[in-house]
Amino acid sequence: MSPKYLLLATLLTATLSIFFSSSASTLVVRGNIDDGSSDMRMKPLVSQEMINETRRRLGSFQVCGLCTCCGGVRRQCLPSPCCYTINCNLPNRPFGLCSFTPKACNCFGCSF
């Protein structure tokens, strides 16, 4: 089995286990405090990778990658596939620097 298909199978298995587990109804990244609000923002557990912004439009670029998502009643944390997007010109960062940030704890609608 090629590494590409092995990665795809691993990501699919992780997604399905999170999707079908009863304790993962609300997924947030570790470190967030559940204050009862429905809008929970994700924070990456890995260091943000900075890249230079090019002249082409990268706003719609999305990629699927592995991250750790936590959620549910018992706050279980599982490695799962996350949809990362490129965010450029972030506050408190130099102009032109971009960062991959997680958008969701699944890869539905993301490119592989």
Protein backbone atom coordinates (compact mmCIF):
# COMPACT_ATOMS: atom_id res chain seq x y z
CA MET A 1 0.00 0.00 0.00
CA SER A 2 1.47 3.37 -0.96
CA PRO A 3 2.09 6.03 1.73
CA LYS A 4 -0.50 8.31 0.14
CA TYR A 5 -3.27 5.74 0.54
CA LEU A 6 -2.08 4.81 4.03
CA LEU A 7 -2.34 8.46 5.13
CA LEU A 8 -5.78 8.76 3.56
CA ALA A 9 -6.97 5.59 5.34
CA THR A 10 -5.59 6.85 8.67
CA LEU A 11 -7.29 10.23 8.30
CA LEU A 12 -10.57 8.62 7.28
CA THR A 13 -10.48 6.25 10.27
CA ALA A 14 -9.78 9.11 12.67
CA THR A 15 -12.58 11.21 11.17
CA LEU A 16 -15.09 8.39 11.42
CA SER A 17 -14.15 7.55 15.00
CA ILE A 18 -14.67 11.17 16.05
CA PHE A 19 -17.83 11.58 14.00
CA PHE A 20 -19.49 8.49 15.44
CA SER A 21 -18.32 8.74 19.05
CA SER A 22 -20.98 9.97 21.45
CA SER A 23 -18.55 12.05 23.47
CA ALA A 24 -17.35 14.17 20.54
CA SER A 25 -20.49 16.20 19.94
CA THR A 26 -18.64 19.50 20.33
CA LEU A 27 -15.06 19.58 19.12
CA VAL A 28 -12.60 22.21 20.27
CA VAL A 29 -8.85 22.24 20.31
CA ARG A 30 -7.17 21.54 23.66
CA GLY A 31 -6.69 24.65 25.76
CA ASN A 32 -10.07 26.25 25.16
CA ILE A 33 -12.40 26.57 28.13
CA ASP A 34 -16.01 25.63 27.61
CA ASP A 35 -17.95 28.63 28.84
CA GLY A 36 -21.26 27.35 27.50
CA SER A 37 -21.22 29.44 24.34
CA SER A 38 -21.89 27.73 21.03
CA ASP A 39 -19.09 29.63 19.22
CA MET A 40 -15.89 27.85 20.21
CA ARG A 41 -12.79 28.90 18.34
CA MET A 42 -9.95 26.55 17.55
CA LYS A 43 -6.33 27.18 18.44
CA PRO A 44 -3.58 25.10 16.84
CA LEU A 45 -1.50 22.84 19.05
CA VAL A 46 1.44 22.97 16.67
CA SER A 47 3.57 26.02 16.00
CA GLN A 48 2.26 28.16 13.21
CA GLU A 49 4.21 27.91 10.00
CA MET A 50 4.87 31.31 8.50
CA ILE A 51 5.25 31.66 4.78
CA ASN A 52 5.65 34.62 2.47
CA GLU A 53 2.54 35.85 0.75
CA THR A 54 2.66 35.73 -3.01
CA ARG A 55 0.77 37.92 -5.44
CA ARG A 56 -1.74 35.25 -6.31
CA ARG A 57 -4.92 34.85 -4.28
CA LEU A 58 -4.58 32.16 -1.64
CA GLY A 59 -7.73 32.88 0.36
CA SER A 60 -9.62 29.86 -0.98
CA PHE A 61 -6.69 27.45 -0.51
CA GLN A 62 -7.43 24.69 2.00
CA VAL A 63 -5.48 21.58 2.91
CA CYS A 64 -6.23 18.59 5.10
CA GLY A 65 -3.70 17.78 7.83
CA LEU A 66 -3.43 16.09 11.19
CA CYS A 67 -4.16 17.98 14.43
CA THR A 68 -5.48 17.20 17.92
CA CYS A 69 -9.12 18.03 18.65
CA CYS A 70 -10.78 17.80 22.05
CA GLY A 71 -14.43 17.81 22.95
CA GLY A 72 -17.44 16.12 24.36
CA VAL A 73 -18.51 15.68 27.93
CA ARG A 74 -15.30 13.94 29.01
CA ARG A 75 -13.02 16.28 27.05
CA GLN A 76 -11.36 13.45 25.16
CA CYS A 77 -8.56 14.54 22.86
CA LEU A 78 -7.94 12.57 19.68
CA PRO A 79 -5.67 13.04 16.70
CA SER A 80 -7.94 13.85 13.82
CA PRO A 81 -7.80 15.32 10.34
CA CYS A 82 -8.29 19.09 10.30
CA CYS A 83 -9.02 21.49 7.49
CA TYR A 84 -6.31 24.18 7.45
CA THR A 85 -6.67 27.51 5.64
CA ILE A 86 -4.13 30.22 4.92
CA ASN A 87 -4.51 33.43 6.91
CA CYS A 88 -2.42 36.39 5.80
CA ASN A 89 -1.74 39.79 7.34
CA LEU A 90 -2.59 38.66 10.87
CA PRO A 91 -2.65 41.22 13.71
CA ASN A 92 0.67 41.67 15.53
CA ARG A 93 2.54 40.02 12.63
CA PRO A 94 4.62 41.69 9.90
CA PHE A 95 2.82 42.52 6.68
CA GLY A 96 2.98 39.76 4.09
CA LEU A 97 3.40 36.83 6.47
CA CYS A 98 0.86 34.02 6.31
CA SER A 99 -0.03 31.17 8.62
CA PHE A 100 -1.83 27.84 8.25
CA THR A 101 -4.59 27.78 10.86
CA PRO A 102 -7.16 25.03 11.52
CA LYS A 103 -10.69 25.76 10.36
CA ALA A 104 -12.54 22.59 11.41
CA CYS A 105 -11.89 19.21 13.03
CA ASN A 106 -12.76 17.39 9.81
CA CYS A 107 -11.72 17.48 6.18
CA PHE A 108 -15.12 17.71 4.54
CA GLY A 109 -14.77 20.18 1.67
CA CYS A 110 -10.96 20.38 1.96
CA SER A 111 -8.53 19.37 -0.74
CA PHE A 112 -6.21 16.47 -0.01
